[in-house]
Structure formats: structure tokens, C-alpha cells
PDB file of all heavy atoms in Angstrom:
ATOM      1  N   VAL A   1      16.273 -20.902  15.103  1.00  0.00           N
ATOM      2  CA  VAL A   1      16.497 -20.076  16.295  1.00  0.00           C
ATOM      3  C   VAL A   1      17.364 -18.873  15.930  1.00  0.00           C
ATOM      4  O   VAL A   1      17.078 -17.740  16.348  1.00  0.00           O
ATOM      5  CB  VAL A   1      17.143 -20.912  17.430  1.00  0.00           C
ATOM      6  CG1 VAL A   1      17.651 -20.018  18.555  1.00  0.00           C
ATOM      7  CG2 VAL A   1      16.157 -21.930  17.967  1.00  0.00           C
ATOM      8  N   ILE A   2      18.400 -19.102  15.149  1.00  0.00           N
ATOM      9  CA  ILE A   2      19.277 -18.007  14.712  1.00  0.00           C
ATOM     10  C   ILE A   2      18.474 -16.989  13.912  1.00  0.00           C
ATOM     11  O   ILE A   2      18.527 -15.777  14.184  1.00  0.00           O
ATOM     12  CB  ILE A   2      20.455 -18.551  13.880  1.00  0.00           C
ATOM     13  CG1 ILE A   2      21.402 -19.358  14.765  1.00  0.00           C
ATOM     14  CG2 ILE A   2      21.201 -17.416  13.183  1.00  0.00           C
ATOM     15  CD1 ILE A   2      22.408 -20.197  13.990  1.00  0.00           C
ATOM     16  N   LYS A   3      17.715 -17.462  12.938  1.00  0.00           N
ATOM     17  CA  LYS A   3      16.921 -16.571  12.089  1.00  0.00           C
ATOM     18  C   LYS A   3      15.933 -15.757  12.924  1.00  0.00           C
ATOM     19  O   LYS A   3      15.797 -14.548  12.745  1.00  0.00           O
ATOM     20  CB  LYS A   3      16.185 -17.396  11.031  1.00  0.00           C
ATOM     21  CG  LYS A   3      15.369 -16.583  10.073  1.00  0.00           C
ATOM     22  CD  LYS A   3      14.693 -17.490   9.049  1.00  0.00           C
ATOM     23  CE  LYS A   3      13.789 -16.695   8.133  1.00  0.00           C
ATOM     24  NZ  LYS A   3      13.108 -17.556   7.165  1.00  0.00           N
ATOM     25  N   LYS A   4      15.241 -16.438  13.834  1.00  0.00           N
ATOM     26  CA  LYS A   4      14.252 -15.758  14.681  1.00  0.00           C
ATOM     27  C   LYS A   4      14.922 -14.655  15.498  1.00  0.00           C
ATOM     28  O   LYS A   4      14.399 -13.550  15.624  1.00  0.00           O
ATOM     29  CB  LYS A   4      13.583 -16.779  15.598  1.00  0.00           C
ATOM     30  CG  LYS A   4      12.581 -16.177  16.551  1.00  0.00           C
ATOM     31  CD  LYS A   4      11.998 -17.228  17.467  1.00  0.00           C
ATOM     32  CE  LYS A   4      11.094 -16.554  18.503  1.00  0.00           C
ATOM     33  NZ  LYS A   4      10.842 -17.410  19.626  1.00  0.00           N
ATOM     34  N   ASN A   5      16.075 -14.952  16.061  1.00  0.00           N
ATOM     35  CA  ASN A   5      16.750 -13.970  16.897  1.00  0.00           C
ATOM     36  C   ASN A   5      17.365 -12.843  16.085  1.00  0.00           C
ATOM     37  O   ASN A   5      17.362 -11.695  16.534  1.00  0.00           O
ATOM     38  CB  ASN A   5      17.766 -14.654  17.805  1.00  0.00           C
ATOM     39  CG  ASN A   5      17.062 -15.321  18.967  1.00  0.00           C
ATOM     40  OD1 ASN A   5      16.674 -14.668  19.920  1.00  0.00           O
ATOM     41  ND2 ASN A   5      16.841 -16.611  18.870  1.00  0.00           N
ATOM     42  N   TYR A   6      17.878 -13.131  14.895  1.00  0.00           N
ATOM     43  CA  TYR A   6      18.340 -12.060  14.012  1.00  0.00           C
ATOM     44  C   TYR A   6      17.184 -11.114  13.702  1.00  0.00           C
ATOM     45  O   TYR A   6      17.329  -9.888  13.749  1.00  0.00           O
ATOM     46  CB  TYR A   6      18.867 -12.624  12.690  1.00  0.00           C
ATOM     47  CG  TYR A   6      20.309 -13.070  12.684  1.00  0.00           C
ATOM     48  CD1 TYR A   6      20.728 -14.050  11.790  1.00  0.00           C
ATOM     49  CD2 TYR A   6      21.264 -12.530  13.526  1.00  0.00           C
ATOM     50  CE1 TYR A   6      22.041 -14.476  11.740  1.00  0.00           C
ATOM     51  CE2 TYR A   6      22.575 -12.942  13.493  1.00  0.00           C
ATOM     52  CZ  TYR A   6      22.964 -13.920  12.592  1.00  0.00           C
ATOM     53  OH  TYR A   6      24.269 -14.329  12.533  1.00  0.00           O
ATOM     54  N   THR A   7      16.031 -11.681  13.409  1.00  0.00           N
ATOM     55  CA  THR A   7      14.853 -10.877  13.109  1.00  0.00           C
ATOM     56  C   THR A   7      14.465 -10.033  14.315  1.00  0.00           C
ATOM     57  O   THR A   7      14.155  -8.844  14.173  1.00  0.00           O
ATOM     58  CB  THR A   7      13.684 -11.786  12.674  1.00  0.00           C
ATOM     59  OG1 THR A   7      14.082 -12.512  11.516  1.00  0.00           O
ATOM     60  CG2 THR A   7      12.435 -10.992  12.380  1.00  0.00           C
ATOM     61  N   GLU A   8      14.483 -10.630  15.484  1.00  0.00           N
ATOM     62  CA  GLU A   8      14.126  -9.907  16.702  1.00  0.00           C
ATOM     63  C   GLU A   8      15.106  -8.767  16.969  1.00  0.00           C
ATOM     64  O   GLU A   8      14.701  -7.667  17.352  1.00  0.00           O
ATOM     65  CB  GLU A   8      14.070 -10.865  17.892  1.00  0.00           C
ATOM     66  CG  GLU A   8      13.526 -10.249  19.162  1.00  0.00           C
ATOM     67  CD  GLU A   8      12.075  -9.801  19.056  1.00  0.00           C
ATOM     68  OE1 GLU A   8      11.319 -10.324  18.217  1.00  0.00           O
ATOM     69  OE2 GLU A   8      11.673  -8.905  19.838  1.00  0.00           O
ATOM     70  N   ILE A   9      16.398  -9.018  16.763  1.00  0.00           N
ATOM     71  CA  ILE A   9      17.402  -7.965  16.936  1.00  0.00           C
ATOM     72  C   ILE A   9      17.099  -6.812  15.984  1.00  0.00           C
ATOM     73  O   ILE A   9      17.109  -5.639  16.382  1.00  0.00           O
ATOM     74  CB  ILE A   9      18.831  -8.505  16.690  1.00  0.00           C
ATOM     75  CG1 ILE A   9      19.255  -9.407  17.847  1.00  0.00           C
ATOM     76  CG2 ILE A   9      19.832  -7.353  16.521  1.00  0.00           C
ATOM     77  CD1 ILE A   9      20.527 -10.199  17.574  1.00  0.00           C
ATOM     78  N   GLY A  10      16.809  -7.142  14.732  1.00  0.00           N
ATOM     79  CA  GLY A  10      16.500  -6.107  13.749  1.00  0.00           C
ATOM     80  C   GLY A  10      15.257  -5.322  14.123  1.00  0.00           C
ATOM     81  O   GLY A  10      15.220  -4.092  14.010  1.00  0.00           O
ATOM     82  N   LYS A  11      14.240  -6.012  14.586  1.00  0.00           N
ATOM     83  CA  LYS A  11      12.995  -5.354  14.993  1.00  0.00           C
ATOM     84  C   LYS A  11      13.251  -4.408  16.164  1.00  0.00           C
ATOM     85  O   LYS A  11      12.793  -3.264  16.168  1.00  0.00           O
ATOM     86  CB  LYS A  11      11.957  -6.408  15.359  1.00  0.00           C
ATOM     87  CG  LYS A  11      10.622  -5.838  15.741  1.00  0.00           C
ATOM     88  CD  LYS A  11       9.636  -6.947  16.056  1.00  0.00           C
ATOM     89  CE  LYS A  11       8.310  -6.354  16.519  1.00  0.00           C
ATOM     90  NZ  LYS A  11       7.400  -7.389  16.987  1.00  0.00           N
ATOM     91  N   LEU A  12      13.974  -4.891  17.165  1.00  0.00           N
ATOM     92  CA  LEU A  12      14.285  -4.059  18.323  1.00  0.00           C
ATOM     93  C   LEU A  12      15.122  -2.841  17.911  1.00  0.00           C
ATOM     94  O   LEU A  12      14.888  -1.728  18.382  1.00  0.00           O
ATOM     95  CB  LEU A  12      15.019  -4.875  19.389  1.00  0.00           C
ATOM     96  CG  LEU A  12      14.183  -5.945  20.091  1.00  0.00           C
ATOM     97  CD1 LEU A  12      15.080  -6.843  20.946  1.00  0.00           C
ATOM     98  CD2 LEU A  12      13.090  -5.310  20.935  1.00  0.00           C
ATOM     99  N   TYR A  13      16.092  -3.071  17.017  1.00  0.00           N
ATOM    100  CA  TYR A  13      16.915  -1.951  16.539  1.00  0.00           C
ATOM    101  C   TYR A  13      16.033  -0.923  15.845  1.00  0.00           C
ATOM    102  O   TYR A  13      16.122   0.276  16.117  1.00  0.00           O
ATOM    103  CB  TYR A  13      18.020  -2.420  15.576  1.00  0.00           C
ATOM    104  CG  TYR A  13      18.860  -1.255  15.103  1.00  0.00           C
ATOM    105  CD1 TYR A  13      19.994  -0.880  15.809  1.00  0.00           C
ATOM    106  CD2 TYR A  13      18.492  -0.513  13.984  1.00  0.00           C
ATOM    107  CE1 TYR A  13      20.746   0.208  15.407  1.00  0.00           C
ATOM    108  CE2 TYR A  13      19.234   0.583  13.579  1.00  0.00           C
ATOM    109  CZ  TYR A  13      20.358   0.945  14.291  1.00  0.00           C
ATOM    110  OH  TYR A  13      21.093   2.039  13.900  1.00  0.00           O
ATOM    111  N   TYR A  14      15.157  -1.392  14.956  1.00  0.00           N
ATOM    112  CA  TYR A  14      14.302  -0.472  14.213  1.00  0.00           C
ATOM    113  C   TYR A  14      13.402   0.316  15.155  1.00  0.00           C
ATOM    114  O   TYR A  14      13.246   1.527  15.002  1.00  0.00           O
ATOM    115  CB  TYR A  14      13.455  -1.219  13.177  1.00  0.00           C
ATOM    116  CG  TYR A  14      12.629  -0.274  12.348  1.00  0.00           C
ATOM    117  CD1 TYR A  14      13.192   0.377  11.253  1.00  0.00           C
ATOM    118  CD2 TYR A  14      11.305   0.004  12.679  1.00  0.00           C
ATOM    119  CE1 TYR A  14      12.451   1.276  10.500  1.00  0.00           C
ATOM    120  CE2 TYR A  14      10.562   0.898  11.932  1.00  0.00           C
ATOM    121  CZ  TYR A  14      11.135   1.530  10.851  1.00  0.00           C
ATOM    122  OH  TYR A  14      10.408   2.427  10.111  1.00  0.00           O
ATOM    123  N   GLU A  15      12.803  -0.373  16.120  1.00  0.00           N
ATOM    124  CA  GLU A  15      11.931   0.309  17.072  1.00  0.00           C
ATOM    125  C   GLU A  15      12.694   1.352  17.881  1.00  0.00           C
ATOM    126  O   GLU A  15      12.168   2.420  18.189  1.00  0.00           O
ATOM    127  CB  GLU A  15      11.265  -0.703  18.005  1.00  0.00           C
ATOM    128  CG  GLU A  15      10.210  -1.544  17.308  1.00  0.00           C
ATOM    129  CD  GLU A  15       9.691  -2.692  18.157  1.00  0.00           C
ATOM    130  OE1 GLU A  15      10.174  -2.893  19.296  1.00  0.00           O
ATOM    131  OE2 GLU A  15       8.790  -3.402  17.671  1.00  0.00           O
ATOM    132  N   GLN A  16      13.943   1.054  18.212  1.00  0.00           N
ATOM    133  CA  GLN A  16      14.748   1.957  19.038  1.00  0.00           C
ATOM    134  C   GLN A  16      15.389   3.080  18.224  1.00  0.00           C
ATOM    135  O   GLN A  16      15.402   4.223  18.662  1.00  0.00           O
ATOM    136  CB  GLN A  16      15.841   1.138  19.732  1.00  0.00           C
ATOM    137  CG  GLN A  16      16.618   1.869  20.789  1.00  0.00           C
ATOM    138  CD  GLN A  16      15.814   2.060  22.067  1.00  0.00           C
ATOM    139  OE1 GLN A  16      14.945   1.266  22.384  1.00  0.00           O
ATOM    140  NE2 GLN A  16      16.101   3.110  22.798  1.00  0.00           N
ATOM    141  N   TYR A  17      15.905   2.757  17.042  1.00  0.00           N
ATOM    142  CA  TYR A  17      16.721   3.722  16.302  1.00  0.00           C
ATOM    143  C   TYR A  17      16.242   3.980  14.880  1.00  0.00           C
ATOM    144  O   TYR A  17      16.924   4.651  14.111  1.00  0.00           O
ATOM    145  CB  TYR A  17      18.170   3.223  16.226  1.00  0.00           C
ATOM    146  CG  TYR A  17      18.767   2.912  17.563  1.00  0.00           C
ATOM    147  CD1 TYR A  17      18.988   1.597  17.955  1.00  0.00           C
ATOM    148  CD2 TYR A  17      19.119   3.921  18.451  1.00  0.00           C
ATOM    149  CE1 TYR A  17      19.544   1.295  19.192  1.00  0.00           C
ATOM    150  CE2 TYR A  17      19.671   3.635  19.693  1.00  0.00           C
ATOM    151  CZ  TYR A  17      19.880   2.317  20.055  1.00  0.00           C
ATOM    152  OH  TYR A  17      20.427   2.031  21.272  1.00  0.00           O
ATOM    153  N   GLY A  18      15.087   3.446  14.498  1.00  0.00           N
ATOM    154  CA  GLY A  18      14.615   3.553  13.116  1.00  0.00           C
ATOM    155  C   GLY A  18      14.450   4.964  12.605  1.00  0.00           C
ATOM    156  O   GLY A  18      14.617   5.227  11.421  1.00  0.00           O
ATOM    157  N   GLU A  19      14.133   5.897  13.494  1.00  0.00           N
ATOM    158  CA  GLU A  19      13.958   7.292  13.080  1.00  0.00           C
ATOM    159  C   GLU A  19      15.293   7.975  12.798  1.00  0.00           C
ATOM    160  O   GLU A  19      15.355   8.903  11.998  1.00  0.00           O
ATOM    161  CB  GLU A  19      13.198   8.068  14.167  1.00  0.00           C
ATOM    162  CG  GLU A  19      11.773   7.588  14.357  1.00  0.00           C
ATOM    163  CD  GLU A  19      10.910   7.788  13.115  1.00  0.00           C
ATOM    164  OE1 GLU A  19      11.003   8.873  12.497  1.00  0.00           O
ATOM    165  OE2 GLU A  19      10.158   6.862  12.767  1.00  0.00           O
ATOM    166  N   SER A  20      16.347   7.539  13.466  1.00  0.00           N
ATOM    167  CA  SER A  20      17.675   8.120  13.235  1.00  0.00           C
ATOM    168  C   SER A  20      18.730   7.018  13.321  1.00  0.00           C
ATOM    169  O   SER A  20      19.523   6.965  14.249  1.00  0.00           O
ATOM    170  CB  SER A  20      17.962   9.218  14.259  1.00  0.00           C
ATOM    171  OG  SER A  20      17.859   8.699  15.567  1.00  0.00           O
ATOM    172  N   PRO A  21      18.709   6.119  12.340  1.00  0.00           N
ATOM    173  CA  PRO A  21      19.626   4.969  12.392  1.00  0.00           C
ATOM    174  C   PRO A  21      21.075   5.356  12.120  1.00  0.00           C
ATOM    175  O   PRO A  21      21.354   6.384  11.504  1.00  0.00           O
ATOM    176  CB  PRO A  21      19.103   4.065  11.281  1.00  0.00           C
ATOM    177  CG  PRO A  21      18.500   5.006  10.306  1.00  0.00           C
ATOM    178  CD  PRO A  21      17.908   6.117  11.133  1.00  0.00           C
ATOM    179  N   ASP A  22      21.945   4.511  12.560  1.00  0.00           N
ATOM    180  CA  ASP A  22      23.345   4.609  12.208  1.00  0.00           C
ATOM    181  C   ASP A  22      23.441   4.491  10.688  1.00  0.00           C
ATOM    182  O   ASP A  22      22.613   3.810  10.062  1.00  0.00           O
ATOM    183  CB  ASP A  22      24.095   3.462  12.897  1.00  0.00           C
ATOM    184  CG  ASP A  22      25.579   3.502  12.667  1.00  0.00           C
ATOM    185  OD1 ASP A  22      26.276   4.158  13.451  1.00  0.00           O
ATOM    186  OD2 ASP A  22      26.015   2.865  11.679  1.00  0.00           O
ATOM    187  N   ALA A  23      24.413   5.140  10.092  1.00  0.00           N
ATOM    188  CA  ALA A  23      24.549   5.132   8.625  1.00  0.00           C
ATOM    189  C   ALA A  23      24.592   3.711   8.067  1.00  0.00           C
ATOM    190  O   ALA A  23      24.096   3.454   6.969  1.00  0.00           O
ATOM    191  CB  ALA A  23      25.797   5.908   8.212  1.00  0.00           C
ATOM    192  N   LEU A  24      25.152   2.790   8.826  1.00  0.00           N
ATOM    193  CA  LEU A  24      25.261   1.399   8.390  1.00  0.00           C
ATOM    194  C   LEU A  24      23.884   0.760   8.157  1.00  0.00           C
ATOM    195  O   LEU A  24      23.737  -0.105   7.303  1.00  0.00           O
ATOM    196  CB  LEU A  24      26.046   0.597   9.437  1.00  0.00           C
ATOM    197  CG  LEU A  24      26.364  -0.853   9.143  1.00  0.00           C
ATOM    198  CD1 LEU A  24      27.255  -0.963   7.902  1.00  0.00           C
ATOM    199  CD2 LEU A  24      27.061  -1.489  10.330  1.00  0.00           C
ATOM    200  N   PHE A  25      22.868   1.225   8.889  1.00  0.00           N
ATOM    201  CA  PHE A  25      21.531   0.635   8.816  1.00  0.00           C
ATOM    202  C   PHE A  25      20.506   1.551   8.171  1.00  0.00           C
ATOM    203  O   PHE A  25      19.319   1.234   8.118  1.00  0.00           O
ATOM    204  CB  PHE A  25      21.049   0.259  10.222  1.00  0.00           C
ATOM    205  CG  PHE A  25      21.979  -0.668  10.937  1.00  0.00           C
ATOM    206  CD1 PHE A  25      22.766  -0.214  11.983  1.00  0.00           C
ATOM    207  CD2 PHE A  25      22.086  -1.999  10.559  1.00  0.00           C
ATOM    208  CE1 PHE A  25      23.637  -1.061  12.640  1.00  0.00           C
ATOM    209  CE2 PHE A  25      22.949  -2.852  11.214  1.00  0.00           C
ATOM    210  CZ  PHE A  25      23.730  -2.383  12.252  1.00  0.00           C
ATOM    211  N   GLU A  26      20.949   2.682   7.676  1.00  0.00           N
ATOM    212  CA  GLU A  26      20.028   3.681   7.134  1.00  0.00           C
ATOM    213  C   GLU A  26      19.193   3.145   5.972  1.00  0.00           C
ATOM    214  O   GLU A  26      17.975   3.330   5.928  1.00  0.00           O
ATOM    215  CB  GLU A  26      20.823   4.909   6.689  1.00  0.00           C
ATOM    216  CG  GLU A  26      19.966   6.092   6.352  1.00  0.00           C
ATOM    217  CD  GLU A  26      20.792   7.347   6.110  1.00  0.00           C
ATOM    218  OE1 GLU A  26      21.994   7.363   6.429  1.00  0.00           O
ATOM    219  OE2 GLU A  26      20.207   8.303   5.593  1.00  0.00           O
ATOM    220  N   LYS A  27      19.826   2.457   5.044  1.00  0.00           N
ATOM    221  CA  LYS A  27      19.123   1.931   3.871  1.00  0.00           C
ATOM    222  C   LYS A  27      18.009   0.973   4.281  1.00  0.00           C
ATOM    223  O   LYS A  27      16.875   1.074   3.808  1.00  0.00           O
ATOM    224  CB  LYS A  27      20.127   1.227   2.952  1.00  0.00           C
ATOM    225  CG  LYS A  27      19.522   0.587   1.734  1.00  0.00           C
ATOM    226  CD  LYS A  27      20.600  -0.118   0.909  1.00  0.00           C
ATOM    227  CE  LYS A  27      19.994  -0.934  -0.210  1.00  0.00           C
ATOM    228  NZ  LYS A  27      21.000  -1.716  -0.914  1.00  0.00           N
ATOM    229  N   GLN A  28      18.309   0.045   5.186  1.00  0.00           N
ATOM    230  CA  GLN A  28      17.331  -0.943   5.614  1.00  0.00           C
ATOM    231  C   GLN A  28      16.194  -0.293   6.403  1.00  0.00           C
ATOM    232  O   GLN A  28      15.030  -0.648   6.219  1.00  0.00           O
ATOM    233  CB  GLN A  28      18.002  -2.043   6.448  1.00  0.00           C
ATOM    234  CG  GLN A  28      18.929  -2.935   5.667  1.00  0.00           C
ATOM    235  CD  GLN A  28      20.321  -2.336   5.450  1.00  0.00           C
ATOM    236  OE1 GLN A  28      20.658  -1.269   5.951  1.00  0.00           O
ATOM    237  NE2 GLN A  28      21.135  -3.039   4.693  1.00  0.00           N
ATOM    238  N   CYS A  29      16.524   0.650   7.266  1.00  0.00           N
ATOM    239  CA  CYS A  29      15.482   1.320   8.048  1.00  0.00           C
ATOM    240  C   CYS A  29      14.568   2.129   7.145  1.00  0.00           C
ATOM    241  O   CYS A  29      13.350   2.155   7.340  1.00  0.00           O
ATOM    242  CB  CYS A  29      16.110   2.206   9.128  1.00  0.00           C
ATOM    243  SG  CYS A  29      16.825   1.259  10.497  1.00  0.00           S
ATOM    244  N   LYS A  30      15.142   2.782   6.143  1.00  0.00           N
ATOM    245  CA  LYS A  30      14.327   3.543   5.191  1.00  0.00           C
ATOM    246  C   LYS A  30      13.408   2.598   4.421  1.00  0.00           C
ATOM    247  O   LYS A  30      12.219   2.882   4.218  1.00  0.00           O
ATOM    248  CB  LYS A  30      15.218   4.321   4.232  1.00  0.00           C
ATOM    249  CG  LYS A  30      14.459   5.245   3.314  1.00  0.00           C
ATOM    250  CD  LYS A  30      15.387   6.108   2.488  1.00  0.00           C
ATOM    251  CE  LYS A  30      14.562   7.060   1.633  1.00  0.00           C
ATOM    252  NZ  LYS A  30      15.404   7.958   0.869  1.00  0.00           N
ATOM    253  N   ALA A  31      13.928   1.444   3.998  1.00  0.00           N
ATOM    254  CA  ALA A  31      13.125   0.460   3.269  1.00  0.00           C
ATOM    255  C   ALA A  31      11.976  -0.049   4.139  1.00  0.00           C
ATOM    256  O   ALA A  31      10.848  -0.207   3.657  1.00  0.00           O
ATOM    257  CB  ALA A  31      13.998  -0.706   2.804  1.00  0.00           C
ATOM    258  N   ILE A  32      12.238  -0.281   5.417  1.00  0.00           N
ATOM    259  CA  ILE A  32      11.182  -0.732   6.332  1.00  0.00           C
ATOM    260  C   ILE A  32      10.123   0.352   6.465  1.00  0.00           C
ATOM    261  O   ILE A  32       8.923   0.076   6.396  1.00  0.00           O
ATOM    262  CB  ILE A  32      11.765  -1.114   7.714  1.00  0.00           C
ATOM    263  CG1 ILE A  32      12.584  -2.398   7.603  1.00  0.00           C
ATOM    264  CG2 ILE A  32      10.645  -1.277   8.750  1.00  0.00           C
ATOM    265  CD1 ILE A  32      13.395  -2.721   8.852  1.00  0.00           C
ATOM    266  N   GLY A  33      10.555   1.586   6.647  1.00  0.00           N
ATOM    267  CA  GLY A  33       9.610   2.696   6.765  1.00  0.00           C
ATOM    268  C   GLY A  33       8.749   2.828   5.514  1.00  0.00           C
ATOM    269  O   GLY A  33       7.526   3.000   5.607  1.00  0.00           O
ATOM    270  N   ASN A  34       9.383   2.743   4.358  1.00  0.00           N
ATOM    271  CA  ASN A  34       8.638   2.834   3.094  1.00  0.00           C
ATOM    272  C   ASN A  34       7.642   1.679   2.963  1.00  0.00           C
ATOM    273  O   ASN A  34       6.501   1.882   2.542  1.00  0.00           O
ATOM    274  CB  ASN A  34       9.584   2.837   1.902  1.00  0.00           C
ATOM    275  CG  ASN A  34      10.376   4.128   1.789  1.00  0.00           C
ATOM    276  OD1 ASN A  34      10.004   5.152   2.350  1.00  0.00           O
ATOM    277  ND2 ASN A  34      11.487   4.069   1.084  1.00  0.00           N
ATOM    278  N   ALA A  35       8.071   0.486   3.315  1.00  0.00           N
ATOM    279  CA  ALA A  35       7.186  -0.674   3.225  1.00  0.00           C
ATOM    280  C   ALA A  35       6.021  -0.539   4.204  1.00  0.00           C
ATOM    281  O   ALA A  35       4.880  -0.866   3.868  1.00  0.00           O
ATOM    282  CB  ALA A  35       7.965  -1.963   3.487  1.00  0.00           C
ATOM    283  N   ARG A  36       6.282  -0.037   5.394  1.00  0.00           N
ATOM    284  CA  ARG A  36       5.199   0.172   6.369  1.00  0.00           C
ATOM    285  C   ARG A  36       4.181   1.184   5.838  1.00  0.00           C
ATOM    286  O   ARG A  36       2.982   0.998   5.978  1.00  0.00           O
ATOM    287  CB  ARG A  36       5.765   0.651   7.709  1.00  0.00           C
ATOM    288  CG  ARG A  36       6.375  -0.446   8.531  1.00  0.00           C
ATOM    289  CD  ARG A  36       6.826   0.071   9.865  1.00  0.00           C
ATOM    290  NE  ARG A  36       7.038  -1.045  10.781  1.00  0.00           N
ATOM    291  CZ  ARG A  36       7.322  -0.893  12.051  1.00  0.00           C
ATOM    292  NH1 ARG A  36       7.425   0.317  12.591  1.00  0.00           N
ATOM    293  NH2 ARG A  36       7.500  -1.942  12.823  1.00  0.00           N
ATOM    294  N   ASN A  37       4.685   2.268   5.230  1.00  0.00           N
ATOM    295  CA  ASN A  37       3.780   3.251   4.631  1.00  0.00           C
ATOM    296  C   ASN A  37       2.981   2.612   3.500  1.00  0.00           C
ATOM    297  O   ASN A  37       1.791   2.891   3.341  1.00  0.00           O
ATOM    298  CB  ASN A  37       4.561   4.469   4.126  1.00  0.00           C
ATOM    299  CG  ASN A  37       5.099   5.318   5.263  1.00  0.00           C
ATOM    300  OD1 ASN A  37       4.555   5.312   6.367  1.00  0.00           O
ATOM    301  ND2 ASN A  37       6.174   6.038   4.998  1.00  0.00           N
ATOM    302  N   GLY A  38       3.636   1.782   2.714  1.00  0.00           N
ATOM    303  CA  GLY A  38       2.946   1.079   1.638  1.00  0.00           C
ATOM    304  C   GLY A  38       1.840   0.191   2.162  1.00  0.00           C
ATOM    305  O   GLY A  38       0.743   0.144   1.602  1.00  0.00           O
ATOM    306  N   VAL A  39       2.107  -0.511   3.258  1.00  0.00           N
ATOM    307  CA  VAL A  39       1.093  -1.369   3.878  1.00  0.00           C
ATOM    308  C   VAL A  39      -0.104  -0.529   4.308  1.00  0.00           C
ATOM    309  O   VAL A  39      -1.259  -0.892   4.056  1.00  0.00           O
ATOM    310  CB  VAL A  39       1.680  -2.159   5.078  1.00  0.00           C
ATOM    311  CG1 VAL A  39       0.581  -2.797   5.911  1.00  0.00           C
ATOM    312  CG2 VAL A  39       2.669  -3.206   4.593  1.00  0.00           C
ATOM    313  N   LYS A  40       0.158   0.610   4.939  1.00  0.00           N
ATOM    314  CA  LYS A  40      -0.934   1.479   5.392  1.00  0.00           C
ATOM    315  C   LYS A  40      -1.789   1.927   4.209  1.00  0.00           C
ATOM    316  O   LYS A  40      -3.023   1.905   4.286  1.00  0.00           O
ATOM    317  CB  LYS A  40      -0.381   2.700   6.124  1.00  0.00           C
ATOM    318  CG  LYS A  40       0.167   2.393   7.500  1.00  0.00           C
ATOM    319  CD  LYS A  40       0.748   3.642   8.130  1.00  0.00           C
ATOM    320  CE  LYS A  40       1.491   3.309   9.408  1.00  0.00           C
ATOM    321  NZ  LYS A  40       2.186   4.471   9.969  1.00  0.00           N
ATOM    322  N   GLU A  41      -1.148   2.348   3.132  1.00  0.00           N
ATOM    323  CA  GLU A  41      -1.888   2.798   1.950  1.00  0.00           C
ATOM    324  C   GLU A  41      -2.707   1.665   1.341  1.00  0.00           C
ATOM    325  O   GLU A  41      -3.861   1.853   0.970  1.00  0.00           O
ATOM    326  CB  GLU A  41      -0.923   3.370   0.909  1.00  0.00           C
ATOM    327  CG  GLU A  41      -0.272   4.681   1.314  1.00  0.00           C
ATOM    328  CD  GLU A  41      -1.296   5.786   1.559  1.00  0.00           C
ATOM    329  OE1 GLU A  41      -2.235   5.936   0.747  1.00  0.00           O
ATOM    330  OE2 GLU A  41      -1.152   6.493   2.579  1.00  0.00           O
ATOM    331  N   LEU A  42      -2.119   0.504   1.248  1.00  0.00           N
ATOM    332  CA  LEU A  42      -2.830  -0.637   0.683  1.00  0.00           C
ATOM    333  C   LEU A  42      -3.992  -1.062   1.576  1.00  0.00           C
ATOM    334  O   LEU A  42      -5.066  -1.428   1.077  1.00  0.00           O
ATOM    335  CB  LEU A  42      -1.861  -1.804   0.452  1.00  0.00           C
ATOM    336  CG  LEU A  42      -0.814  -1.546  -0.643  1.00  0.00           C
ATOM    337  CD1 LEU A  42       0.276  -2.602  -0.584  1.00  0.00           C
ATOM    338  CD2 LEU A  42      -1.461  -1.497  -2.009  1.00  0.00           C
ATOM    339  N   GLN A  43      -3.794  -0.989   2.887  1.00  0.00           N
ATOM    340  CA  GLN A  43      -4.882  -1.331   3.803  1.00  0.00           C
ATOM    341  C   GLN A  43      -6.048  -0.350   3.650  1.00  0.00           C
ATOM    342  O   GLN A  43      -7.210  -0.743   3.708  1.00  0.00           O
ATOM    343  CB  GLN A  43      -4.385  -1.354   5.255  1.00  0.00           C
ATOM    344  CG  GLN A  43      -3.557  -2.583   5.561  1.00  0.00           C
ATOM    345  CD  GLN A  43      -2.941  -2.554   6.950  1.00  0.00           C
ATOM    346  OE1 GLN A  43      -2.668  -1.497   7.510  1.00  0.00           O
ATOM    347  NE2 GLN A  43      -2.694  -3.739   7.495  1.00  0.00           N
ATOM    348  N   LYS A  44      -5.726   0.934   3.444  1.00  0.00           N
ATOM    349  CA  LYS A  44      -6.777   1.933   3.198  1.00  0.00           C
ATOM    350  C   LYS A  44      -7.566   1.569   1.948  1.00  0.00           C
ATOM    351  O   LYS A  44      -8.796   1.652   1.937  1.00  0.00           O
ATOM    352  CB  LYS A  44      -6.174   3.329   3.029  1.00  0.00           C
ATOM    353  CG  LYS A  44      -5.720   3.980   4.293  1.00  0.00           C
ATOM    354  CD  LYS A  44      -5.148   5.356   3.985  1.00  0.00           C
ATOM    355  CE  LYS A  44      -4.456   5.949   5.184  1.00  0.00           C
ATOM    356  NZ  LYS A  44      -3.797   7.233   4.867  1.00  0.00           N
ATOM    357  N   LYS A  45      -6.857   1.168   0.898  1.00  0.00           N
ATOM    358  CA  LYS A  45      -7.527   0.795  -0.345  1.00  0.00           C
ATOM    359  C   LYS A  45      -8.425  -0.427  -0.148  1.00  0.00           C
ATOM    360  O   LYS A  45      -9.526  -0.484  -0.687  1.00  0.00           O
ATOM    361  CB  LYS A  45      -6.509   0.533  -1.454  1.00  0.00           C
ATOM    362  CG  LYS A  45      -5.823   1.781  -1.952  1.00  0.00           C
ATOM    363  CD  LYS A  45      -4.829   1.471  -3.048  1.00  0.00           C
ATOM    364  CE  LYS A  45      -4.138   2.752  -3.513  1.00  0.00           C
ATOM    365  NZ  LYS A  45      -3.208   2.514  -4.605  1.00  0.00           N
TER     366      LYS A  45
END
């Protein structure tokens, strides 16, 4: 339950602030964005 809710908090944060995250979360948001772009490219392939 803790893990699920931590994940949900992170997802909600990313959806809300992922484009301009607080400096504390910038690295993680950038990594998520890069991974999402990677998924899109791989799906195209």
C-alpha cells in the first residue's frame, strides 16, 4: 500500500509539475521524460 501510494504521488506530481519541477525533483522528472521519449521511439521501431 505504501509503495503504491508513493508511486501515485510521484505520478500525480509529474503530471502536475513535470514540465517545470522543483529543483529537488528535476533529475527524476527529466529521467521520466527521457524514458517516455525512449518508449515512443522504441514503439515506432
